[in-house]
Amino acid sequence: MAEHSYAVLSALGPDRPGLVAEVTEFLVQHGCNVEESRMAVLGAEFGIMMLVRGPKDELDRLSASADELSQRTGLQFLFRATASPFSRLTKPVVPFSLTAHCLDHEGVVHSVAESLYQLGVNIASLETSTYSAPTTGTPLFRMHAILEVPTSLPVPKLRASLSEIAEQHNLDIELHHG
């Protein structure tokens, strides 16, 4: 059995039905497997990020075929070789889930991200959205993040830092293990 390698494939372009089927068919034809993925429509654009595993020579051919796939799908592709996802973490961390809600305004994501960075916390996943309040239509903001908190960081210090941000931005923040 051939040694497997990993690559990150990202793509962006006009949304339409069938894009996921076309991209994944191309991957299967090259003997590759989707290990992890994130896909979303933002505005009228469809975005993909995938961690793909396969034989190194097939991943190389896949990367070289990006123009063909782009012509077929209308998406712009970027391929980048990467290490196994299991080799990434070098320091012990504890996973936390963070959810925040507030009236929509500038600077919330930056303030939370900067505060976490200053504490050495890695943001493994981040999703944000805006929506209208049911009765008034007021624009509201929601953030959900998966954090990798160093075991050396006292949790009360993390909570205190997030409390400061919550007060500055009138945020409702929830932080949970896992």
N, C-alpha and C. Protein backbone atom coordinates (compact mmCIF):
# COMPACT_ATOMS: atom_id res chain seq x y z
N MET A 1 0.84 -1.18 0.00
CA MET A 1 0.00 0.00 0.00
C MET A 1 0.89 1.25 0.00
N ALA A 2 0.57 2.20 -0.86
CA ALA A 2 1.38 3.41 -1.00
C ALA A 2 1.21 4.31 0.23
N GLU A 3 2.29 5.01 0.54
CA GLU A 3 2.27 5.99 1.63
C GLU A 3 1.35 7.15 1.22
N HIS A 4 0.50 7.59 2.14
CA HIS A 4 -0.40 8.68 1.82
C HIS A 4 0.20 10.02 2.23
N SER A 5 -0.16 11.03 1.47
CA SER A 5 0.23 12.40 1.75
C SER A 5 -1.05 13.21 1.90
N TYR A 6 -0.88 14.46 2.31
CA TYR A 6 -2.02 15.34 2.54
C TYR A 6 -1.84 16.64 1.78
N ALA A 7 -2.97 17.23 1.39
CA ALA A 7 -2.97 18.54 0.76
C ALA A 7 -4.24 19.26 1.19
N VAL A 8 -4.16 20.58 1.21
CA VAL A 8 -5.34 21.39 1.43
C VAL A 8 -5.74 21.95 0.07
N LEU A 9 -6.99 21.75 -0.26
CA LEU A 9 -7.56 22.28 -1.49
C LEU A 9 -8.52 23.38 -1.07
N SER A 10 -8.38 24.54 -1.66
CA SER A 10 -9.37 25.59 -1.42
C SER A 10 -9.86 26.07 -2.77
N ALA A 11 -11.12 26.50 -2.80
CA ALA A 11 -11.72 26.94 -4.06
C ALA A 11 -12.75 28.01 -3.76
N LEU A 12 -12.93 28.90 -4.74
CA LEU A 12 -13.89 29.99 -4.60
C LEU A 12 -14.44 30.33 -5.97
N GLY A 13 -15.74 30.54 -6.04
CA GLY A 13 -16.35 30.94 -7.30
C GLY A 13 -17.85 31.04 -7.19
N PRO A 14 -18.50 31.38 -8.30
CA PRO A 14 -19.96 31.54 -8.29
C PRO A 14 -20.67 30.25 -7.86
N ASP A 15 -21.65 30.40 -7.00
CA ASP A 15 -22.38 29.24 -6.50
C ASP A 15 -23.36 28.72 -7.55
N ARG A 16 -23.50 27.39 -7.57
CA ARG A 16 -24.52 26.73 -8.38
C ARG A 16 -24.65 25.30 -7.89
N PRO A 17 -25.79 24.66 -8.15
CA PRO A 17 -25.95 23.26 -7.75
C PRO A 17 -24.93 22.37 -8.46
N GLY A 18 -24.45 21.35 -7.77
CA GLY A 18 -23.58 20.34 -8.38
C GLY A 18 -22.10 20.54 -8.18
N LEU A 19 -21.69 21.66 -7.61
CA LEU A 19 -20.25 21.92 -7.46
C LEU A 19 -19.56 20.89 -6.57
N VAL A 20 -20.18 20.56 -5.45
CA VAL A 20 -19.55 19.59 -4.54
C VAL A 20 -19.41 18.24 -5.22
N ALA A 21 -20.44 17.83 -5.96
CA ALA A 21 -20.38 16.55 -6.67
C ALA A 21 -19.26 16.55 -7.71
N GLU A 22 -19.10 17.65 -8.44
CA GLU A 22 -18.05 17.73 -9.46
C GLU A 22 -16.65 17.70 -8.85
N VAL A 23 -16.45 18.46 -7.80
CA VAL A 23 -15.12 18.52 -7.17
C VAL A 23 -14.77 17.17 -6.55
N THR A 24 -15.71 16.57 -5.83
CA THR A 24 -15.40 15.30 -5.18
C THR A 24 -15.25 14.16 -6.19
N GLU A 25 -15.96 14.23 -7.32
CA GLU A 25 -15.77 13.23 -8.37
C GLU A 25 -14.33 13.30 -8.89
N PHE A 26 -13.84 14.49 -9.09
CA PHE A 26 -12.47 14.71 -9.56
C PHE A 26 -11.47 14.12 -8.56
N LEU A 27 -11.74 14.32 -7.27
CA LEU A 27 -10.85 13.78 -6.24
C LEU A 27 -10.86 12.25 -6.25
N VAL A 28 -12.03 11.66 -6.36
CA VAL A 28 -12.15 10.20 -6.39
C VAL A 28 -11.42 9.63 -7.61
N GLN A 29 -11.54 10.31 -8.75
CA GLN A 29 -10.86 9.85 -9.97
C GLN A 29 -9.34 9.84 -9.79
N HIS A 30 -8.85 10.67 -8.87
CA HIS A 30 -7.41 10.72 -8.60
C HIS A 30 -7.03 9.89 -7.37
N GLY A 31 -7.94 9.05 -6.90
CA GLY A 31 -7.63 8.17 -5.77
C GLY A 31 -7.47 8.89 -4.45
N CYS A 32 -8.13 10.03 -4.32
CA CYS A 32 -7.98 10.85 -3.11
C CYS A 32 -9.26 10.82 -2.28
N ASN A 33 -9.10 11.06 -0.98
CA ASN A 33 -10.21 11.03 -0.05
C ASN A 33 -10.30 12.37 0.69
N VAL A 34 -11.52 12.85 0.91
CA VAL A 34 -11.74 14.06 1.70
C VAL A 34 -11.75 13.66 3.17
N GLU A 35 -10.75 14.15 3.91
CA GLU A 35 -10.65 13.85 5.35
C GLU A 35 -11.46 14.83 6.19
N GLU A 36 -11.37 16.11 5.86
CA GLU A 36 -12.12 17.16 6.56
C GLU A 36 -12.49 18.20 5.52
N SER A 37 -13.60 18.91 5.76
CA SER A 37 -13.96 19.97 4.82
C SER A 37 -14.84 21.01 5.50
N ARG A 38 -14.80 22.20 4.94
CA ARG A 38 -15.68 23.29 5.31
C ARG A 38 -16.13 23.91 3.99
N MET A 39 -17.43 24.10 3.86
CA MET A 39 -17.97 24.69 2.64
C MET A 39 -19.07 25.66 3.05
N ALA A 40 -19.18 26.76 2.30
CA ALA A 40 -20.21 27.74 2.62
C ALA A 40 -20.46 28.63 1.42
N VAL A 41 -21.67 29.17 1.36
CA VAL A 41 -22.00 30.21 0.41
C VAL A 41 -21.94 31.52 1.18
N LEU A 42 -21.13 32.45 0.70
CA LEU A 42 -21.01 33.79 1.28
C LEU A 42 -21.33 34.78 0.17
N GLY A 43 -22.37 35.57 0.35
CA GLY A 43 -22.84 36.40 -0.75
C GLY A 43 -23.35 35.47 -1.84
N ALA A 44 -22.84 35.62 -3.04
CA ALA A 44 -23.20 34.71 -4.15
C ALA A 44 -22.05 33.77 -4.48
N GLU A 45 -21.02 33.76 -3.65
CA GLU A 45 -19.83 32.94 -3.90
C GLU A 45 -19.85 31.68 -3.04
N PHE A 46 -19.37 30.59 -3.63
CA PHE A 46 -19.26 29.32 -2.92
C PHE A 46 -17.79 29.10 -2.59
N GLY A 47 -17.51 28.80 -1.34
CA GLY A 47 -16.14 28.55 -0.91
C GLY A 47 -15.98 27.16 -0.35
N ILE A 48 -14.84 26.54 -0.67
CA ILE A 48 -14.51 25.20 -0.20
C ILE A 48 -13.12 25.23 0.42
N MET A 49 -12.97 24.53 1.53
CA MET A 49 -11.65 24.18 2.07
C MET A 49 -11.72 22.71 2.42
N MET A 50 -10.79 21.93 1.89
CA MET A 50 -10.78 20.49 2.13
C MET A 50 -9.38 20.02 2.48
N LEU A 51 -9.31 19.11 3.44
CA LEU A 51 -8.08 18.37 3.69
C LEU A 51 -8.24 17.07 2.93
N VAL A 52 -7.34 16.86 1.96
CA VAL A 52 -7.42 15.71 1.06
C VAL A 52 -6.24 14.79 1.32
N ARG A 53 -6.52 13.48 1.37
CA ARG A 53 -5.48 12.48 1.57
C ARG A 53 -5.42 11.59 0.34
N GLY A 54 -4.20 11.28 -0.07
CA GLY A 54 -4.02 10.38 -1.21
C GLY A 54 -2.55 10.11 -1.45
N PRO A 55 -2.27 9.23 -2.42
CA PRO A 55 -0.87 8.99 -2.79
C PRO A 55 -0.23 10.29 -3.27
N LYS A 56 1.03 10.52 -2.90
CA LYS A 56 1.71 11.77 -3.25
C LYS A 56 1.67 12.05 -4.75
N ASP A 57 1.92 11.03 -5.58
CA ASP A 57 1.92 11.26 -7.02
C ASP A 57 0.53 11.69 -7.52
N GLU A 58 -0.53 11.15 -6.92
CA GLU A 58 -1.88 11.56 -7.32
C GLU A 58 -2.19 12.98 -6.86
N LEU A 59 -1.73 13.34 -5.66
CA LEU A 59 -1.93 14.71 -5.20
C LEU A 59 -1.18 15.69 -6.10
N ASP A 60 0.01 15.31 -6.55
CA ASP A 60 0.77 16.16 -7.47
C ASP A 60 0.01 16.32 -8.79
N ARG A 61 -0.55 15.21 -9.31
CA ARG A 61 -1.33 15.28 -10.55
C ARG A 61 -2.59 16.13 -10.36
N LEU A 62 -3.20 15.99 -9.21
CA LEU A 62 -4.39 16.76 -8.89
C LEU A 62 -4.07 18.25 -8.92
N SER A 63 -2.97 18.63 -8.28
CA SER A 63 -2.55 20.02 -8.26
C SER A 63 -2.27 20.54 -9.67
N ALA A 64 -1.61 19.69 -10.48
CA ALA A 64 -1.30 20.08 -11.86
C ALA A 64 -2.55 20.19 -12.72
N SER A 65 -3.65 19.56 -12.30
CA SER A 65 -4.90 19.57 -13.07
C SER A 65 -5.85 20.67 -12.61
N ALA A 66 -5.38 21.59 -11.80
CA ALA A 66 -6.25 22.64 -11.25
C ALA A 66 -6.93 23.45 -12.35
N ASP A 67 -6.21 23.74 -13.44
CA ASP A 67 -6.81 24.51 -14.53
C ASP A 67 -7.97 23.76 -15.17
N GLU A 68 -7.80 22.45 -15.36
CA GLU A 68 -8.87 21.63 -15.94
C GLU A 68 -10.11 21.66 -15.04
N LEU A 69 -9.89 21.49 -13.74
CA LEU A 69 -11.00 21.50 -12.80
C LEU A 69 -11.65 22.88 -12.74
N SER A 70 -10.84 23.92 -12.83
CA SER A 70 -11.36 25.28 -12.83
C SER A 70 -12.24 25.53 -14.05
N GLN A 71 -11.79 25.05 -15.22
CA GLN A 71 -12.59 25.19 -16.45
C GLN A 71 -13.92 24.46 -16.31
N ARG A 72 -13.88 23.30 -15.70
CA ARG A 72 -15.07 22.46 -15.56
C ARG A 72 -16.08 23.07 -14.58
N THR A 73 -15.59 23.67 -13.50
CA THR A 73 -16.49 24.11 -12.42
C THR A 73 -16.71 25.61 -12.34
N GLY A 74 -15.81 26.41 -12.90
CA GLY A 74 -15.89 27.85 -12.75
C GLY A 74 -15.31 28.35 -11.44
N LEU A 75 -14.70 27.45 -10.67
CA LEU A 75 -14.08 27.82 -9.40
C LEU A 75 -12.59 28.07 -9.59
N GLN A 76 -12.02 28.92 -8.79
CA GLN A 76 -10.57 29.12 -8.76
C GLN A 76 -10.02 28.24 -7.64
N PHE A 77 -8.98 27.45 -7.95
CA PHE A 77 -8.45 26.48 -7.00
C PHE A 77 -7.05 26.84 -6.53
N LEU A 78 -6.76 26.45 -5.30
CA LEU A 78 -5.43 26.54 -4.72
C LEU A 78 -5.17 25.22 -4.01
N PHE A 79 -4.03 24.59 -4.32
CA PHE A 79 -3.62 23.35 -3.67
C PHE A 79 -2.35 23.63 -2.89
N ARG A 80 -2.27 23.05 -1.72
CA ARG A 80 -1.06 23.23 -0.91
C ARG A 80 -0.79 21.94 -0.14
N ALA A 81 0.40 21.39 -0.32
CA ALA A 81 0.79 20.19 0.43
C ALA A 81 0.85 20.55 1.91
N THR A 82 0.49 19.60 2.75
CA THR A 82 0.51 19.84 4.19
C THR A 82 0.88 18.56 4.92
N ALA A 83 1.13 18.69 6.19
CA ALA A 83 1.47 17.52 7.03
C ALA A 83 0.19 16.83 7.48
N SER A 84 0.35 15.66 8.02
CA SER A 84 -0.77 14.93 8.61
C SER A 84 -1.42 15.78 9.69
N PRO A 85 -2.74 15.75 9.79
CA PRO A 85 -3.39 16.55 10.84
C PRO A 85 -2.99 16.11 12.24
N PHE A 86 -2.48 14.90 12.37
CA PHE A 86 -2.08 14.39 13.68
C PHE A 86 -0.72 14.92 14.12
N SER A 87 0.02 15.54 13.21
CA SER A 87 1.36 16.03 13.55
C SER A 87 1.35 17.50 13.96
N ARG A 88 0.19 18.16 13.91
CA ARG A 88 0.11 19.60 14.10
C ARG A 88 0.34 20.04 15.54
N LEU A 89 -0.31 19.43 16.48
CA LEU A 89 -0.22 19.90 17.87
C LEU A 89 1.08 19.43 18.51
N THR A 90 1.85 20.39 18.99
CA THR A 90 3.12 20.06 19.64
C THR A 90 3.06 20.30 21.15
N LYS A 91 2.14 21.13 21.59
CA LYS A 91 1.99 21.41 23.02
C LYS A 91 0.61 20.91 23.46
N PRO A 92 0.51 20.46 24.71
CA PRO A 92 -0.79 19.98 25.18
C PRO A 92 -1.81 21.12 25.28
N VAL A 93 -2.99 20.87 24.76
CA VAL A 93 -4.07 21.86 24.80
C VAL A 93 -5.36 21.21 25.27
N VAL A 94 -6.27 22.06 25.71
CA VAL A 94 -7.61 21.63 26.10
C VAL A 94 -8.59 22.30 25.14
N PRO A 95 -9.50 21.53 24.53
CA PRO A 95 -10.47 22.16 23.63
C PRO A 95 -11.57 22.88 24.41
N PHE A 96 -11.92 24.06 23.93
CA PHE A 96 -13.04 24.83 24.48
C PHE A 96 -13.91 25.29 23.32
N SER A 97 -15.17 25.47 23.62
CA SER A 97 -16.12 26.02 22.67
C SER A 97 -16.53 27.40 23.16
N LEU A 98 -16.49 28.39 22.28
CA LEU A 98 -16.86 29.76 22.63
C LEU A 98 -18.02 30.18 21.73
N THR A 99 -19.06 30.73 22.33
CA THR A 99 -20.18 31.29 21.58
C THR A 99 -20.40 32.70 22.09
N ALA A 100 -20.62 33.63 21.17
CA ALA A 100 -20.86 35.02 21.54
C ALA A 100 -22.01 35.58 20.71
N HIS A 101 -22.81 36.43 21.34
CA HIS A 101 -23.94 37.10 20.68
C HIS A 101 -23.91 38.57 21.09
N CYS A 102 -24.30 39.45 20.16
CA CYS A 102 -24.42 40.87 20.48
C CYS A 102 -25.12 41.59 19.34
N LEU A 103 -25.38 42.88 19.55
CA LEU A 103 -25.80 43.72 18.44
C LEU A 103 -24.64 43.78 17.46
N ASP A 104 -24.93 43.73 16.18
CA ASP A 104 -23.86 43.71 15.19
C ASP A 104 -23.15 45.06 15.14
N HIS A 105 -21.82 45.02 15.24
CA HIS A 105 -21.00 46.22 15.09
C HIS A 105 -19.56 45.80 14.80
N GLU A 106 -18.77 46.75 14.27
CA GLU A 106 -17.39 46.46 13.88
C GLU A 106 -16.52 46.15 15.09
N GLY A 107 -15.51 45.31 14.84
CA GLY A 107 -14.46 45.11 15.82
C GLY A 107 -14.62 43.93 16.76
N VAL A 108 -15.76 43.26 16.74
CA VAL A 108 -15.97 42.17 17.69
C VAL A 108 -15.01 41.02 17.43
N VAL A 109 -14.95 40.55 16.19
CA VAL A 109 -14.08 39.41 15.87
C VAL A 109 -12.63 39.76 16.19
N HIS A 110 -12.21 40.95 15.80
CA HIS A 110 -10.82 41.36 16.06
C HIS A 110 -10.53 41.38 17.56
N SER A 111 -11.41 41.97 18.34
CA SER A 111 -11.16 42.08 19.79
C SER A 111 -11.06 40.71 20.45
N VAL A 112 -11.96 39.80 20.09
CA VAL A 112 -11.92 38.45 20.66
C VAL A 112 -10.65 37.74 20.21
N ALA A 113 -10.35 37.82 18.90
CA ALA A 113 -9.17 37.13 18.36
C ALA A 113 -7.88 37.68 18.97
N GLU A 114 -7.78 38.98 19.12
CA GLU A 114 -6.57 39.59 19.71
C GLU A 114 -6.41 39.17 21.16
N SER A 115 -7.50 39.16 21.90
CA SER A 115 -7.45 38.74 23.31
C SER A 115 -6.97 37.30 23.43
N LEU A 116 -7.51 36.42 22.58
CA LEU A 116 -7.10 35.01 22.61
C LEU A 116 -5.63 34.86 22.22
N TYR A 117 -5.21 35.61 21.20
CA TYR A 117 -3.82 35.57 20.75
C TYR A 117 -2.87 35.97 21.88
N GLN A 118 -3.21 37.03 22.59
CA GLN A 118 -2.36 37.51 23.69
C GLN A 118 -2.20 36.46 24.78
N LEU A 119 -3.17 35.55 24.89
CA LEU A 119 -3.10 34.48 25.89
C LEU A 119 -2.48 33.20 25.35
N GLY A 120 -2.13 33.19 24.07
CA GLY A 120 -1.55 32.00 23.46
C GLY A 120 -2.57 30.95 23.06
N VAL A 121 -3.83 31.36 22.94
CA VAL A 121 -4.91 30.45 22.57
C VAL A 121 -5.03 30.42 21.05
N ASN A 122 -5.12 29.21 20.49
CA ASN A 122 -5.29 29.06 19.05
C ASN A 122 -6.78 28.91 18.72
N ILE A 123 -7.21 29.59 17.66
CA ILE A 123 -8.57 29.44 17.16
C ILE A 123 -8.52 28.36 16.08
N ALA A 124 -9.07 27.18 16.40
CA ALA A 124 -9.04 26.06 15.46
C ALA A 124 -10.15 26.17 14.43
N SER A 125 -11.25 26.79 14.81
CA SER A 125 -12.40 26.93 13.92
C SER A 125 -13.17 28.17 14.34
N LEU A 126 -13.66 28.92 13.37
CA LEU A 126 -14.41 30.13 13.67
C LEU A 126 -15.51 30.30 12.64
N GLU A 127 -16.71 30.54 13.12
CA GLU A 127 -17.85 30.79 12.24
C GLU A 127 -18.60 31.99 12.79
N THR A 128 -18.93 32.93 11.92
CA THR A 128 -19.71 34.09 12.33
C THR A 128 -20.90 34.25 11.41
N SER A 129 -21.93 34.90 11.92
CA SER A 129 -23.08 35.20 11.08
C SER A 129 -23.81 36.40 11.65
N THR A 130 -24.56 37.05 10.79
CA THR A 130 -25.45 38.12 11.22
C THR A 130 -26.87 37.70 10.87
N TYR A 131 -27.79 38.17 11.66
CA TYR A 131 -29.20 37.85 11.44
C TYR A 131 -30.03 38.97 12.05
N SER A 132 -31.31 39.01 11.72
CA SER A 132 -32.20 40.05 12.22
C SER A 132 -32.97 39.56 13.43
N ALA A 133 -33.11 40.44 14.42
CA ALA A 133 -33.93 40.11 15.59
C ALA A 133 -35.36 39.87 15.13
N PRO A 134 -36.04 38.87 15.69
CA PRO A 134 -37.36 38.48 15.20
C PRO A 134 -38.40 39.61 15.22
N THR A 135 -38.47 40.37 16.27
CA THR A 135 -39.52 41.37 16.39
C THR A 135 -39.13 42.71 15.78
N THR A 136 -37.91 43.16 16.06
CA THR A 136 -37.51 44.52 15.65
C THR A 136 -36.74 44.57 14.34
N GLY A 137 -36.15 43.46 13.93
CA GLY A 137 -35.32 43.47 12.73
C GLY A 137 -33.93 44.03 12.97
N THR A 138 -33.59 44.30 14.22
CA THR A 138 -32.26 44.83 14.56
C THR A 138 -31.19 43.83 14.16
N PRO A 139 -30.10 44.29 13.51
CA PRO A 139 -29.03 43.36 13.13
C PRO A 139 -28.28 42.82 14.35
N LEU A 140 -28.22 41.50 14.44
CA LEU A 140 -27.53 40.82 15.53
C LEU A 140 -26.36 40.03 14.97
N PHE A 141 -25.40 39.73 15.83
CA PHE A 141 -24.18 39.04 15.45
C PHE A 141 -24.02 37.80 16.31
N ARG A 142 -23.55 36.73 15.68
CA ARG A 142 -23.27 35.48 16.39
C ARG A 142 -21.89 34.98 15.98
N MET A 143 -21.13 34.50 16.96
CA MET A 143 -19.81 33.93 16.71
C MET A 143 -19.73 32.59 17.44
N HIS A 144 -19.18 31.59 16.75
CA HIS A 144 -18.91 30.30 17.39
C HIS A 144 -17.48 29.92 17.04
N ALA A 145 -16.69 29.57 18.04
CA ALA A 145 -15.29 29.19 17.82
C ALA A 145 -14.95 27.95 18.62
N ILE A 146 -14.06 27.15 18.04
CA ILE A 146 -13.44 26.05 18.76
C ILE A 146 -12.02 26.51 19.08
N LEU A 147 -11.68 26.48 20.34
CA LEU A 147 -10.39 27.00 20.80
C LEU A 147 -9.49 25.86 21.27
N GLU A 148 -8.19 26.06 21.10
CA GLU A 148 -7.18 25.16 21.65
C GLU A 148 -6.43 25.95 22.71
N VAL A 149 -6.78 25.68 23.96
CA VAL A 149 -6.26 26.44 25.10
C VAL A 149 -5.08 25.69 25.70
N PRO A 150 -3.91 26.34 25.79
CA PRO A 150 -2.75 25.67 26.40
C PRO A 150 -3.08 25.22 27.82
N THR A 151 -2.62 24.04 28.17
CA THR A 151 -2.88 23.54 29.53
C THR A 151 -2.22 24.41 30.59
N SER A 152 -1.23 25.19 30.19
CA SER A 152 -0.54 26.08 31.14
C SER A 152 -1.33 27.35 31.44
N LEU A 153 -2.39 27.63 30.68
CA LEU A 153 -3.18 28.85 30.90
C LEU A 153 -4.29 28.57 31.92
N PRO A 154 -4.29 29.29 33.03
CA PRO A 154 -5.38 29.11 34.00
C PRO A 154 -6.72 29.55 33.38
N VAL A 155 -7.71 28.70 33.50
CA VAL A 155 -9.02 28.99 32.92
C VAL A 155 -9.62 30.29 33.47
N PRO A 156 -9.47 30.60 34.77
CA PRO A 156 -9.99 31.89 35.26
C PRO A 156 -9.36 33.09 34.53
N LYS A 157 -8.10 32.99 34.14
CA LYS A 157 -7.45 34.08 33.40
C LYS A 157 -8.10 34.23 32.02
N LEU A 158 -8.39 33.12 31.37
CA LEU A 158 -9.08 33.15 30.07
C LEU A 158 -10.45 33.77 30.23
N ARG A 159 -11.20 33.33 31.22
CA ARG A 159 -12.55 33.87 31.45
C ARG A 159 -12.50 35.38 31.77
N ALA A 160 -11.52 35.81 32.54
CA ALA A 160 -11.39 37.23 32.89
C ALA A 160 -11.12 38.07 31.64
N SER A 161 -10.25 37.58 30.78
CA SER A 161 -9.94 38.31 29.54
C SER A 161 -11.18 38.42 28.66
N LEU A 162 -11.91 37.32 28.54
CA LEU A 162 -13.13 37.34 27.72
C LEU A 162 -14.20 38.22 28.35
N SER A 163 -14.25 38.29 29.67
CA SER A 163 -15.20 39.17 30.36
C SER A 163 -14.94 40.63 30.03
N GLU A 164 -13.66 41.01 29.96
CA GLU A 164 -13.31 42.39 29.58
C GLU A 164 -13.82 42.71 28.18
N ILE A 165 -13.61 41.79 27.25
CA ILE A 165 -14.08 41.98 25.87
C ILE A 165 -15.61 42.05 25.86
N ALA A 166 -16.25 41.19 26.62
CA ALA A 166 -17.72 41.18 26.68
C ALA A 166 -18.25 42.53 27.17
N GLU A 167 -17.58 43.08 28.17
CA GLU A 167 -18.01 44.38 28.69
C GLU A 167 -17.79 45.50 27.66
N GLN A 168 -16.65 45.48 26.98
CA GLN A 168 -16.35 46.51 25.98
C GLN A 168 -17.34 46.50 24.82
N HIS A 169 -17.77 45.31 24.40
CA HIS A 169 -18.61 45.19 23.20
C HIS A 169 -20.05 44.79 23.51
N ASN A 170 -20.42 44.77 24.79
CA ASN A 170 -21.76 44.35 25.20
C ASN A 170 -22.10 42.98 24.61
N LEU A 171 -21.17 42.05 24.80
CA LEU A 171 -21.29 40.68 24.29
C LEU A 171 -21.83 39.75 25.36
N ASP A 172 -22.59 38.77 24.92
CA ASP A 172 -22.94 37.64 25.78
C ASP A 172 -22.04 36.50 25.33
N ILE A 173 -21.05 36.13 26.16
CA ILE A 173 -20.07 35.09 25.81
C ILE A 173 -20.27 33.87 26.69
N GLU A 174 -20.28 32.71 26.05
CA GLU A 174 -20.31 31.44 26.77
C GLU A 174 -19.05 30.67 26.41
N LEU A 175 -18.42 30.08 27.42
CA LEU A 175 -17.20 29.29 27.22
C LEU A 175 -17.40 27.95 27.90
N HIS A 176 -17.20 26.87 27.14
CA HIS A 176 -17.41 25.52 27.67
C HIS A 176 -16.26 24.61 27.27
N HIS A 177 -15.92 23.65 28.16
CA HIS A 177 -14.95 22.60 27.80
C HIS A 177 -15.52 21.81 26.63
N GLY A 178 -14.60 21.41 25.75
CA GLY A 178 -15.02 20.53 24.65
C GLY A 178 -15.42 21.28 23.51
